[in-house]
Amino acid sequence: MVSNTFNGMNIIIKTTNIELSPFIREFIEKKIGSLTKFLKHATPGLIEARIEIGKPSRHHKSGAVFYAEANLVLPGKLLRAEANHMDLKYAINKIRDELEKQIEKYKNK
């Protein structure tokens, strides 16, 4: 498990059945950390993103091989997104896009 603060957001990354490369860690921090531009009203340091990436099993070879899940903790709200895909970066982009949609709904309430 890796924890880092990016743009005032605490990002915690957990992996399952894969190694976390520096490239993927930076990719996640950049993609998920970019959500802070939609959260300017939230107090910095109170936003936490728990990201889990991996493979369902070490032997999984066909179908959506990788998954990405995110829990974004905001003041008074928990947003969740998940995606499965053959490409890990694509799955990470999908959860980022889903979280952005949920943040827009959260802000408009």
PDB file of N, CA and C in Angstrom:
ATOM      1  N   MET A   1       0.853  -1.171   0.000  1.00  0.00           N
ATOM      2  CA  MET A   1       0.000   0.000   0.000  1.00  0.00           C
ATOM      3  C   MET A   1       0.903   1.239   0.000  1.00  0.00           C
ATOM      4  N   VAL A   2       0.567   2.195  -0.853  1.00  0.00           N
ATOM      5  CA  VAL A   2       1.338   3.422  -0.994  1.00  0.00           C
ATOM      6  C   VAL A   2       0.420   4.603  -0.695  1.00  0.00           C
ATOM      7  N   SER A   3       0.907   5.551   0.084  1.00  0.00           N
ATOM      8  CA  SER A   3       0.134   6.737   0.410  1.00  0.00           C
ATOM      9  C   SER A   3       0.946   7.971   0.048  1.00  0.00           C
ATOM     10  N   ASN A   4       0.275   8.965  -0.545  1.00  0.00           N
ATOM     11  CA  ASN A   4       0.948  10.181  -0.955  1.00  0.00           C
ATOM     12  C   ASN A   4      -0.081  11.306  -1.010  1.00  0.00           C
ATOM     13  N   THR A   5       0.361  12.529  -0.823  1.00  0.00           N
ATOM     14  CA  THR A   5      -0.525  13.683  -0.956  1.00  0.00           C
ATOM     15  C   THR A   5      -0.226  14.365  -2.276  1.00  0.00           C
ATOM     16  N   PHE A   6      -1.298  14.617  -3.054  1.00  0.00           N
ATOM     17  CA  PHE A   6      -1.170  15.222  -4.377  1.00  0.00           C
ATOM     18  C   PHE A   6      -2.241  16.291  -4.497  1.00  0.00           C
ATOM     19  N   ASN A   7      -1.843  17.543  -4.712  1.00  0.00           N
ATOM     20  CA  ASN A   7      -2.785  18.675  -4.837  1.00  0.00           C
ATOM     21  C   ASN A   7      -3.735  18.777  -3.644  1.00  0.00           C
ATOM     22  N   GLY A   8      -3.253  18.464  -2.445  1.00  0.00           N
ATOM     23  CA  GLY A   8      -4.091  18.571  -1.254  1.00  0.00           C
ATOM     24  C   GLY A   8      -4.986  17.373  -1.012  1.00  0.00           C
ATOM     25  N   MET A   9      -4.872  16.342  -1.853  1.00  0.00           N
ATOM     26  CA  MET A   9      -5.678  15.136  -1.699  1.00  0.00           C
ATOM     27  C   MET A   9      -4.761  14.001  -1.251  1.00  0.00           C
ATOM     28  N   ASN A  10      -5.175  13.281  -0.224  1.00  0.00           N
ATOM     29  CA  ASN A  10      -4.426  12.119   0.226  1.00  0.00           C
ATOM     30  C   ASN A  10      -4.830  10.933  -0.650  1.00  0.00           C
ATOM     31  N   ILE A  11      -3.887  10.372  -1.387  1.00  0.00           N
ATOM     32  CA  ILE A  11      -4.165   9.260  -2.297  1.00  0.00           C
ATOM     33  C   ILE A  11      -3.481   8.007  -1.756  1.00  0.00           C
ATOM     34  N   ILE A  12      -4.277   6.971  -1.501  1.00  0.00           N
ATOM     35  CA  ILE A  12      -3.784   5.709  -0.990  1.00  0.00           C
ATOM     36  C   ILE A  12      -4.013   4.663  -2.071  1.00  0.00           C
ATOM     37  N   ILE A  13      -2.954   3.986  -2.477  1.00  0.00           N
ATOM     38  CA  ILE A  13      -3.034   3.009  -3.564  1.00  0.00           C
ATOM     39  C   ILE A  13      -2.738   1.618  -3.019  1.00  0.00           C
ATOM     40  N   LYS A  14      -3.636   0.683  -3.299  1.00  0.00           N
ATOM     41  CA  LYS A  14      -3.461  -0.714  -2.911  1.00  0.00           C
ATOM     42  C   LYS A  14      -3.473  -1.548  -4.186  1.00  0.00           C
ATOM     43  N   THR A  15      -2.604  -2.554  -4.246  1.00  0.00           N
ATOM     44  CA  THR A  15      -2.563  -3.437  -5.409  1.00  0.00           C
ATOM     45  C   THR A  15      -2.920  -4.866  -5.004  1.00  0.00           C
ATOM     46  N   THR A  16      -3.486  -5.599  -5.956  1.00  0.00           N
ATOM     47  CA  THR A  16      -3.809  -7.006  -5.748  1.00  0.00           C
ATOM     48  C   THR A  16      -3.316  -7.797  -6.952  1.00  0.00           C
ATOM     49  N   ASN A  17      -2.446  -8.733  -6.723  1.00  0.00           N
ATOM     50  CA  ASN A  17      -1.915  -9.634  -7.746  1.00  0.00           C
ATOM     51  C   ASN A  17      -1.117  -8.934  -8.844  1.00  0.00           C
ATOM     52  N   ILE A  18      -0.665  -7.712  -8.609  1.00  0.00           N
ATOM     53  CA  ILE A  18       0.234  -7.009  -9.531  1.00  0.00           C
ATOM     54  C   ILE A  18       1.212  -6.167  -8.720  1.00  0.00           C
ATOM     55  N   GLU A  19       2.315  -5.786  -9.351  1.00  0.00           N
ATOM     56  CA  GLU A  19       3.284  -4.872  -8.746  1.00  0.00           C
ATOM     57  C   GLU A  19       2.931  -3.449  -9.145  1.00  0.00           C
ATOM     58  N   LEU A  20       3.100  -2.508  -8.239  1.00  0.00           N
ATOM     59  CA  LEU A  20       2.849  -1.101  -8.532  1.00  0.00           C
ATOM     60  C   LEU A  20       4.137  -0.484  -9.071  1.00  0.00           C
ATOM     61  N   SER A  21       4.142  -0.200 -10.363  1.00  0.00           N
ATOM     62  CA  SER A  21       5.316   0.422 -10.974  1.00  0.00           C
ATOM     63  C   SER A  21       5.288   1.922 -10.692  1.00  0.00           C
ATOM     64  N   PRO A  22       6.443   2.569 -10.720  1.00  0.00           N
ATOM     65  CA  PRO A  22       6.469   4.026 -10.537  1.00  0.00           C
ATOM     66  C   PRO A  22       5.614   4.752 -11.593  1.00  0.00           C
ATOM     67  N   PHE A  23       5.601   4.229 -12.826  1.00  0.00           N
ATOM     68  CA  PHE A  23       4.801   4.842 -13.890  1.00  0.00           C
ATOM     69  C   PHE A  23       3.304   4.806 -13.547  1.00  0.00           C
ATOM     70  N   ILE A  24       2.802   3.658 -13.114  1.00  0.00           N
ATOM     71  CA  ILE A  24       1.379   3.532 -12.781  1.00  0.00           C
ATOM     72  C   ILE A  24       1.051   4.368 -11.546  1.00  0.00           C
ATOM     73  N   ARG A  25       1.944   4.399 -10.556  1.00  0.00           N
ATOM     74  CA  ARG A  25       1.713   5.219  -9.364  1.00  0.00           C
ATOM     75  C   ARG A  25       1.562   6.686  -9.752  1.00  0.00           C
ATOM     76  N   GLU A  26       2.470   7.180 -10.587  1.00  0.00           N
ATOM     77  CA  GLU A  26       2.398   8.577 -11.044  1.00  0.00           C
ATOM     78  C   GLU A  26       1.151   8.821 -11.892  1.00  0.00           C
ATOM     79  N   PHE A  27       0.785   7.846 -12.725  1.00  0.00           N
ATOM     80  CA  PHE A  27      -0.407   7.967 -13.563  1.00  0.00           C
ATOM     81  C   PHE A  27      -1.655   8.116 -12.698  1.00  0.00           C
ATOM     82  N   ILE A  28      -1.767   7.285 -11.664  1.00  0.00           N
ATOM     83  CA  ILE A  28      -2.910   7.354 -10.749  1.00  0.00           C
ATOM     84  C   ILE A  28      -2.919   8.687 -10.015  1.00  0.00           C
ATOM     85  N   GLU A  29      -1.776   9.094  -9.489  1.00  0.00           N
ATOM     86  CA  GLU A  29      -1.710  10.359  -8.756  1.00  0.00           C
ATOM     87  C   GLU A  29      -2.109  11.533  -9.642  1.00  0.00           C
ATOM     88  N   LYS A  30      -1.660  11.518 -10.888  1.00  0.00           N
ATOM     89  CA  LYS A  30      -1.987  12.614 -11.800  1.00  0.00           C
ATOM     90  C   LYS A  30      -3.477  12.609 -12.156  1.00  0.00           C
ATOM     91  N   LYS A  31      -4.012  11.441 -12.522  1.00  0.00           N
ATOM     92  CA  LYS A  31      -5.416  11.342 -12.937  1.00  0.00           C
ATOM     93  C   LYS A  31      -6.373  11.617 -11.778  1.00  0.00           C
ATOM     94  N   ILE A  32      -6.177  10.947 -10.668  1.00  0.00           N
ATOM     95  CA  ILE A  32      -7.088  11.110  -9.535  1.00  0.00           C
ATOM     96  C   ILE A  32      -6.855  12.462  -8.860  1.00  0.00           C
ATOM     97  N   GLY A  33      -5.595  12.884  -8.762  1.00  0.00           N
ATOM     98  CA  GLY A  33      -5.275  14.180  -8.164  1.00  0.00           C
ATOM     99  C   GLY A  33      -5.859  15.346  -8.938  1.00  0.00           C
ATOM    100  N   SER A  34      -6.066  15.158 -10.242  1.00  0.00           N
ATOM    101  CA  SER A  34      -6.645  16.244 -11.052  1.00  0.00           C
ATOM    102  C   SER A  34      -8.094  16.533 -10.684  1.00  0.00           C
ATOM    103  N   LEU A  35      -8.726  15.643  -9.953  1.00  0.00           N
ATOM    104  CA  LEU A  35     -10.114  15.873  -9.518  1.00  0.00           C
ATOM    105  C   LEU A  35     -10.221  17.021  -8.518  1.00  0.00           C
ATOM    106  N   THR A  36      -9.114  17.415  -7.906  1.00  0.00           N
ATOM    107  CA  THR A  36      -9.172  18.496  -6.915  1.00  0.00           C
ATOM    108  C   THR A  36      -9.626  19.816  -7.538  1.00  0.00           C
ATOM    109  N   LYS A  37      -9.436  19.984  -8.850  1.00  0.00           N
ATOM    110  CA  LYS A  37      -9.896  21.226  -9.490  1.00  0.00           C
ATOM    111  C   LYS A  37     -11.414  21.346  -9.442  1.00  0.00           C
ATOM    112  N   PHE A  38     -12.123  20.219  -9.283  1.00  0.00           N
ATOM    113  CA  PHE A  38     -13.577  20.244  -9.157  1.00  0.00           C
ATOM    114  C   PHE A  38     -14.020  20.361  -7.704  1.00  0.00           C
ATOM    115  N   LEU A  39     -13.066  20.316  -6.782  1.00  0.00           N
ATOM    116  CA  LEU A  39     -13.367  20.312  -5.351  1.00  0.00           C
ATOM    117  C   LEU A  39     -12.783  21.515  -4.634  1.00  0.00           C
ATOM    118  N   LYS A  40     -12.772  22.655  -5.279  1.00  0.00           N
ATOM    119  CA  LYS A  40     -12.175  23.855  -4.686  1.00  0.00           C
ATOM    120  C   LYS A  40     -12.877  24.283  -3.402  1.00  0.00           C
ATOM    121  N   HIS A  41     -14.162  23.926  -3.263  1.00  0.00           N
ATOM    122  CA  HIS A  41     -14.916  24.308  -2.071  1.00  0.00           C
ATOM    123  C   HIS A  41     -14.589  23.423  -0.862  1.00  0.00           C
ATOM    124  N   ALA A  42     -13.990  22.247  -1.100  1.00  0.00           N
ATOM    125  CA  ALA A  42     -13.670  21.324  -0.008  1.00  0.00           C
ATOM    126  C   ALA A  42     -12.372  21.757   0.678  1.00  0.00           C
ATOM    127  N   THR A  43     -12.281  21.503   1.955  1.00  0.00           N
ATOM    128  CA  THR A  43     -11.095  21.858   2.720  1.00  0.00           C
ATOM    129  C   THR A  43      -9.935  20.945   2.346  1.00  0.00           C
ATOM    130  N   PRO A  44      -8.787  21.521   1.940  1.00  0.00           N
ATOM    131  CA  PRO A  44      -7.635  20.680   1.605  1.00  0.00           C
ATOM    132  C   PRO A  44      -7.235  19.819   2.794  1.00  0.00           C
ATOM    133  N   GLY A  45      -6.824  18.616   2.518  1.00  0.00           N
ATOM    134  CA  GLY A  45      -6.432  17.687   3.570  1.00  0.00           C
ATOM    135  C   GLY A  45      -7.569  16.822   4.061  1.00  0.00           C
ATOM    136  N   LEU A  46      -8.827  17.225   3.765  1.00  0.00           N
ATOM    137  CA  LEU A  46      -9.968  16.421   4.174  1.00  0.00           C
ATOM    138  C   LEU A  46     -10.435  15.483   3.060  1.00  0.00           C
ATOM    139  N   ILE A  47      -9.812  15.563   1.898  1.00  0.00           N
ATOM    140  CA  ILE A  47     -10.186  14.718   0.775  1.00  0.00           C
ATOM    141  C   ILE A  47      -9.229  13.536   0.739  1.00  0.00           C
ATOM    142  N   GLU A  48      -9.808  12.341   0.676  1.00  0.00           N
ATOM    143  CA  GLU A  48      -8.991  11.138   0.627  1.00  0.00           C
ATOM    144  C   GLU A  48      -9.493  10.232  -0.488  1.00  0.00           C
ATOM    145  N   ALA A  49      -8.582   9.748  -1.304  1.00  0.00           N
ATOM    146  CA  ALA A  49      -8.911   8.805  -2.374  1.00  0.00           C
ATOM    147  C   ALA A  49      -8.231   7.479  -2.075  1.00  0.00           C
ATOM    148  N   ARG A  50      -9.023   6.429  -1.954  1.00  0.00           N
ATOM    149  CA  ARG A  50      -8.491   5.081  -1.767  1.00  0.00           C
ATOM    150  C   ARG A  50      -8.682   4.344  -3.086  1.00  0.00           C
ATOM    151  N   ILE A  51      -7.566   4.008  -3.716  1.00  0.00           N
ATOM    152  CA  ILE A  51      -7.577   3.379  -5.027  1.00  0.00           C
ATOM    153  C   ILE A  51      -7.059   1.957  -4.895  1.00  0.00           C
ATOM    154  N   GLU A  52      -7.771   1.012  -5.490  1.00  0.00           N
ATOM    155  CA  GLU A  52      -7.281  -0.362  -5.546  1.00  0.00           C
ATOM    156  C   GLU A  52      -7.227  -0.776  -7.008  1.00  0.00           C
ATOM    157  N   ILE A  53      -6.082  -1.304  -7.419  1.00  0.00           N
ATOM    158  CA  ILE A  53      -5.919  -1.795  -8.780  1.00  0.00           C
ATOM    159  C   ILE A  53      -5.404  -3.215  -8.715  1.00  0.00           C
ATOM    160  N   GLY A  54      -5.669  -3.994  -9.761  1.00  0.00           N
ATOM    161  CA  GLY A  54      -5.128  -5.339  -9.764  1.00  0.00           C
ATOM    162  C   GLY A  54      -5.773  -6.242 -10.778  1.00  0.00           C
ATOM    163  N   LYS A  55      -5.506  -7.526 -10.578  1.00  0.00           N
ATOM    164  CA  LYS A  55      -6.098  -8.595 -11.369  1.00  0.00           C
ATOM    165  C   LYS A  55      -6.935  -9.440 -10.418  1.00  0.00           C
ATOM    166  N   PRO A  56      -8.077  -9.951 -10.896  1.00  0.00           N
ATOM    167  CA  PRO A  56      -8.898 -10.790 -10.023  1.00  0.00           C
ATOM    168  C   PRO A  56      -8.136 -12.022  -9.516  1.00  0.00           C
ATOM    169  N   SER A  57      -7.237 -12.585 -10.349  1.00  0.00           N
ATOM    170  CA  SER A  57      -6.397 -13.698  -9.921  1.00  0.00           C
ATOM    171  C   SER A  57      -5.126 -13.689 -10.749  1.00  0.00           C
ATOM    172  N   ARG A  58      -4.130 -14.365 -10.289  1.00  0.00           N
ATOM    173  CA  ARG A  58      -2.858 -14.411 -11.010  1.00  0.00           C
ATOM    174  C   ARG A  58      -2.970 -15.191 -12.322  1.00  0.00           C
ATOM    175  N   HIS A  59      -3.972 -16.038 -12.444  1.00  0.00           N
ATOM    176  CA  HIS A  59      -4.100 -16.912 -13.609  1.00  0.00           C
ATOM    177  C   HIS A  59      -5.115 -16.392 -14.626  1.00  0.00           C
ATOM    178  N   HIS A  60      -5.731 -15.269 -14.352  1.00  0.00           N
ATOM    179  CA  HIS A  60      -6.760 -14.709 -15.224  1.00  0.00           C
ATOM    180  C   HIS A  60      -6.111 -14.219 -16.523  1.00  0.00           C
ATOM    181  N   LYS A  61      -6.500 -14.789 -17.657  1.00  0.00           N
ATOM    182  CA  LYS A  61      -5.848 -14.436 -18.912  1.00  0.00           C
ATOM    183  C   LYS A  61      -6.817 -13.898 -19.965  1.00  0.00           C
ATOM    184  N   SER A  62      -8.118 -14.111 -19.821  1.00  0.00           N
ATOM    185  CA  SER A  62      -9.059 -13.638 -20.837  1.00  0.00           C
ATOM    186  C   SER A  62     -10.115 -12.742 -20.204  1.00  0.00           C
ATOM    187  N   GLY A  63     -10.792 -11.974 -21.050  1.00  0.00           N
ATOM    188  CA  GLY A  63     -11.812 -11.055 -20.548  1.00  0.00           C
ATOM    189  C   GLY A  63     -11.185  -9.798 -19.981  1.00  0.00           C
ATOM    190  N   ALA A  64     -11.937  -9.113 -19.152  1.00  0.00           N
ATOM    191  CA  ALA A  64     -11.446  -7.878 -18.518  1.00  0.00           C
ATOM    192  C   ALA A  64     -10.441  -8.268 -17.442  1.00  0.00           C
ATOM    193  N   VAL A  65      -9.174  -8.226 -17.770  1.00  0.00           N
ATOM    194  CA  VAL A  65      -8.133  -8.752 -16.899  1.00  0.00           C
ATOM    195  C   VAL A  65      -7.849  -7.846 -15.706  1.00  0.00           C
ATOM    196  N   PHE A  66      -7.818  -6.534 -15.905  1.00  0.00           N
ATOM    197  CA  PHE A  66      -7.495  -5.601 -14.822  1.00  0.00           C
ATOM    198  C   PHE A  66      -8.767  -4.966 -14.258  1.00  0.00           C
ATOM    199  N   TYR A  67      -8.687  -4.572 -13.004  1.00  0.00           N
ATOM    200  CA  TYR A  67      -9.769  -3.789 -12.418  1.00  0.00           C
ATOM    201  C   TYR A  67      -9.181  -2.605 -11.669  1.00  0.00           C
ATOM    202  N   ALA A  68      -9.993  -1.585 -11.537  1.00  0.00           N
ATOM    203  CA  ALA A  68      -9.635  -0.406 -10.747  1.00  0.00           C
ATOM    204  C   ALA A  68     -10.872   0.005  -9.956  1.00  0.00           C
ATOM    205  N   GLU A  69     -10.683   0.283  -8.688  1.00  0.00           N
ATOM    206  CA  GLU A  69     -11.769   0.721  -7.818  1.00  0.00           C
ATOM    207  C   GLU A  69     -11.311   1.962  -7.072  1.00  0.00           C
ATOM    208  N   ALA A  70     -12.249   2.854  -6.819  1.00  0.00           N
ATOM    209  CA  ALA A  70     -11.918   4.078  -6.090  1.00  0.00           C
ATOM    210  C   ALA A  70     -13.007   4.399  -5.085  1.00  0.00           C
ATOM    211  N   ASN A  71     -12.589   4.807  -3.906  1.00  0.00           N
ATOM    212  CA  ASN A  71     -13.463   5.386  -2.894  1.00  0.00           C
ATOM    213  C   ASN A  71     -12.920   6.779  -2.616  1.00  0.00           C
ATOM    214  N   LEU A  72     -13.717   7.782  -2.919  1.00  0.00           N
ATOM    215  CA  LEU A  72     -13.316   9.173  -2.704  1.00  0.00           C
ATOM    216  C   LEU A  72     -14.102   9.704  -1.519  1.00  0.00           C
ATOM    217  N   VAL A  73     -13.383  10.005  -0.435  1.00  0.00           N
ATOM    218  CA  VAL A  73     -14.007  10.467   0.797  1.00  0.00           C
ATOM    219  C   VAL A  73     -13.989  11.992   0.813  1.00  0.00           C
ATOM    220  N   LEU A  74     -15.189  12.568   0.795  1.00  0.00           N
ATOM    221  CA  LEU A  74     -15.360  14.018   0.860  1.00  0.00           C
ATOM    222  C   LEU A  74     -16.061  14.352   2.167  1.00  0.00           C
ATOM    223  N   PRO A  75     -16.021  15.606   2.583  1.00  0.00           N
ATOM    224  CA  PRO A  75     -16.757  15.967   3.806  1.00  0.00           C
ATOM    225  C   PRO A  75     -18.241  15.623   3.670  1.00  0.00           C
ATOM    226  N   GLY A  76     -18.687  14.636   4.434  1.00  0.00           N
ATOM    227  CA  GLY A  76     -20.096  14.253   4.437  1.00  0.00           C
ATOM    228  C   GLY A  76     -20.527  13.359   3.295  1.00  0.00           C
ATOM    229  N   LYS A  77     -19.607  12.832   2.510  1.00  0.00           N
ATOM    230  CA  LYS A  77     -20.006  12.030   1.346  1.00  0.00           C
ATOM    231  C   LYS A  77     -18.901  11.044   0.967  1.00  0.00           C
ATOM    232  N   LEU A  78     -19.301   9.862   0.481  1.00  0.00           N
ATOM    233  CA  LEU A  78     -18.382   8.871  -0.049  1.00  0.00           C
ATOM    234  C   LEU A  78     -18.794   8.593  -1.490  1.00  0.00           C
ATOM    235  N   LEU A  79     -17.874   8.800  -2.423  1.00  0.00           N
ATOM    236  CA  LEU A  79     -18.121   8.515  -3.830  1.00  0.00           C
ATOM    237  C   LEU A  79     -17.345   7.259  -4.198  1.00  0.00           C
ATOM    238  N   ARG A  80     -17.964   6.404  -5.025  1.00  0.00           N
ATOM    239  CA  ARG A  80     -17.335   5.132  -5.380  1.00  0.00           C
ATOM    240  C   ARG A  80     -17.446   4.898  -6.879  1.00  0.00           C
ATOM    241  N   ALA A  81     -16.367   4.349  -7.463  1.00  0.00           N
ATOM    242  CA  ALA A  81     -16.356   3.991  -8.877  1.00  0.00           C
ATOM    243  C   ALA A  81     -15.520   2.742  -9.066  1.00  0.00           C
ATOM    244  N   GLU A  82     -15.893   1.947 -10.065  1.00  0.00           N
ATOM    245  CA  GLU A  82     -15.107   0.765 -10.394  1.00  0.00           C
ATOM    246  C   GLU A  82     -15.186   0.492 -11.884  1.00  0.00           C
ATOM    247  N   ALA A  83     -14.125  -0.144 -12.407  1.00  0.00           N
ATOM    248  CA  ALA A  83     -14.056  -0.462 -13.830  1.00  0.00           C
ATOM    249  C   ALA A  83     -13.180  -1.694 -14.038  1.00  0.00           C
ATOM    250  N   ASN A  84     -13.494  -2.442 -15.090  1.00  0.00           N
ATOM    251  CA  ASN A  84     -12.717  -3.607 -15.505  1.00  0.00           C
ATOM    252  C   ASN A  84     -12.354  -3.421 -16.968  1.00  0.00           C
ATOM    253  N   HIS A  85     -11.123  -3.764 -17.332  1.00  0.00           N
ATOM    254  CA  HIS A  85     -10.707  -3.633 -18.727  1.00  0.00           C
ATOM    255  C   HIS A  85      -9.410  -4.390 -18.959  1.00  0.00           C
ATOM    256  N   MET A  86      -9.125  -4.668 -20.219  1.00  0.00           N
ATOM    257  CA  MET A  86      -7.863  -5.326 -20.599  1.00  0.00           C
ATOM    258  C   MET A  86      -6.661  -4.412 -20.353  1.00  0.00           C
ATOM    259  N   ASP A  87      -6.886  -3.091 -20.383  1.00  0.00           N
ATOM    260  CA  ASP A  87      -5.823  -2.100 -20.212  1.00  0.00           C
ATOM    261  C   ASP A  87      -6.016  -1.414 -18.854  1.00  0.00           C
ATOM    262  N   LEU A  88      -5.029  -1.519 -17.990  1.00  0.00           N
ATOM    263  CA  LEU A  88      -5.126  -0.934 -16.649  1.00  0.00           C
ATOM    264  C   LEU A  88      -5.299   0.576 -16.706  1.00  0.00           C
ATOM    265  N   LYS A  89      -4.567   1.253 -17.590  1.00  0.00           N
ATOM    266  CA  LYS A  89      -4.693   2.717 -17.696  1.00  0.00           C
ATOM    267  C   LYS A  89      -6.107   3.107 -18.114  1.00  0.00           C
ATOM    268  N   TYR A  90      -6.729   2.337 -19.001  1.00  0.00           N
ATOM    269  CA  TYR A  90      -8.098   2.615 -19.423  1.00  0.00           C
ATOM    270  C   TYR A  90      -9.051   2.487 -18.228  1.00  0.00           C
ATOM    271  N   ALA A  91      -8.871   1.441 -17.420  1.00  0.00           N
ATOM    272  CA  ALA A  91      -9.721   1.248 -16.241  1.00  0.00           C
ATOM    273  C   ALA A  91      -9.558   2.409 -15.261  1.00  0.00           C
ATOM    274  N   ILE A  92      -8.335   2.896 -15.092  1.00  0.00           N
ATOM    275  CA  ILE A  92      -8.087   4.042 -14.202  1.00  0.00           C
ATOM    276  C   ILE A  92      -8.768   5.289 -14.755  1.00  0.00           C
ATOM    277  N   ASN A  93      -8.683   5.505 -16.070  1.00  0.00           N
ATOM    278  CA  ASN A  93      -9.366   6.645 -16.686  1.00  0.00           C
ATOM    279  C   ASN A  93     -10.880   6.557 -16.500  1.00  0.00           C
ATOM    280  N   LYS A  94     -11.437   5.342 -16.595  1.00  0.00           N
ATOM    281  CA  LYS A  94     -12.883   5.159 -16.419  1.00  0.00           C
ATOM    282  C   LYS A  94     -13.318   5.535 -15.001  1.00  0.00           C
ATOM    283  N   ILE A  95     -12.554   5.131 -13.982  1.00  0.00           N
ATOM    284  CA  ILE A  95     -12.967   5.481 -12.621  1.00  0.00           C
ATOM    285  C   ILE A  95     -12.811   6.979 -12.387  1.00  0.00           C
ATOM    286  N   ARG A  96     -11.803   7.588 -12.992  1.00  0.00           N
ATOM    287  CA  ARG A  96     -11.630   9.036 -12.868  1.00  0.00           C
ATOM    288  C   ARG A  96     -12.822   9.771 -13.481  1.00  0.00           C
ATOM    289  N   ASP A  97     -13.254   9.343 -14.674  1.00  0.00           N
ATOM    290  CA  ASP A  97     -14.405   9.967 -15.340  1.00  0.00           C
ATOM    291  C   ASP A  97     -15.686   9.792 -14.531  1.00  0.00           C
ATOM    292  N   GLU A  98     -15.880   8.594 -13.967  1.00  0.00           N
ATOM    293  CA  GLU A  98     -17.067   8.333 -13.152  1.00  0.00           C
ATOM    294  C   GLU A  98     -17.051   9.193 -11.885  1.00  0.00           C
ATOM    295  N   LEU A  99     -15.898   9.312 -11.247  1.00  0.00           N
ATOM    296  CA  LEU A  99     -15.809  10.161 -10.053  1.00  0.00           C
ATOM    297  C   LEU A  99     -16.087  11.621 -10.402  1.00  0.00           C
ATOM    298  N   GLU A 100     -15.622  12.081 -11.559  1.00  0.00           N
ATOM    299  CA  GLU A 100     -15.887  13.465 -11.970  1.00  0.00           C
ATOM    300  C   GLU A 100     -17.388  13.712 -12.090  1.00  0.00           C
ATOM    301  N   LYS A 101     -18.114  12.767 -12.696  1.00  0.00           N
ATOM    302  CA  LYS A 101     -19.577  12.899 -12.817  1.00  0.00           C
ATOM    303  C   LYS A 101     -20.231  12.964 -11.436  1.00  0.00           C
ATOM    304  N   GLN A 102     -19.780  12.095 -10.540  1.00  0.00           N
ATOM    305  CA  GLN A 102     -20.356  12.064  -9.191  1.00  0.00           C
ATOM    306  C   GLN A 102     -20.034  13.341  -8.421  1.00  0.00           C
ATOM    307  N   ILE A 103     -18.840  13.895  -8.626  1.00  0.00           N
ATOM    308  CA  ILE A 103     -18.472  15.147  -7.959  1.00  0.00           C
ATOM    309  C   ILE A 103     -19.375  16.269  -8.428  1.00  0.00           C
ATOM    310  N   GLU A 104     -19.685  16.330  -9.722  1.00  0.00           N
ATOM    311  CA  GLU A 104     -20.580  17.365 -10.258  1.00  0.00           C
ATOM    312  C   GLU A 104     -21.953  17.262  -9.594  1.00  0.00           C
ATOM    313  N   LYS A 105     -22.472  16.046  -9.425  1.00  0.00           N
ATOM    314  CA  LYS A 105     -23.761  15.867  -8.739  1.00  0.00           C
ATOM    315  C   LYS A 105     -23.661  16.308  -7.296  1.00  0.00           C
ATOM    316  N   TYR A 106     -22.554  15.966  -6.639  1.00  0.00           N
ATOM    317  CA  TYR A 106     -22.320  16.317  -5.235  1.00  0.00           C
ATOM    318  C   TYR A 106     -22.288  17.830  -5.062  1.00  0.00           C
ATOM    319  N   LYS A 107     -21.611  18.532  -5.989  1.00  0.00           N
ATOM    320  CA  LYS A 107     -21.503  19.994  -5.901  1.00  0.00           C
ATOM    321  C   LYS A 107     -22.837  20.678  -6.129  1.00  0.00           C
ATOM    322  N   ASN A 108     -23.683  20.094  -6.966  1.00  0.00           N
ATOM    323  CA  ASN A 108     -24.951  20.727  -7.310  1.00  0.00           C
ATOM    324  C   ASN A 108     -26.038  20.512  -6.264  1.00  0.00           C
ATOM    325  N   LYS A 109     -25.752  19.735  -5.230  1.00  0.00           N
ATOM    326  CA  LYS A 109     -26.766  19.520  -4.175  1.00  0.00           C
ATOM    327  C   LYS A 109     -26.666  20.574  -3.106  1.00  0.00           C
TER     328      LYS A 109
END
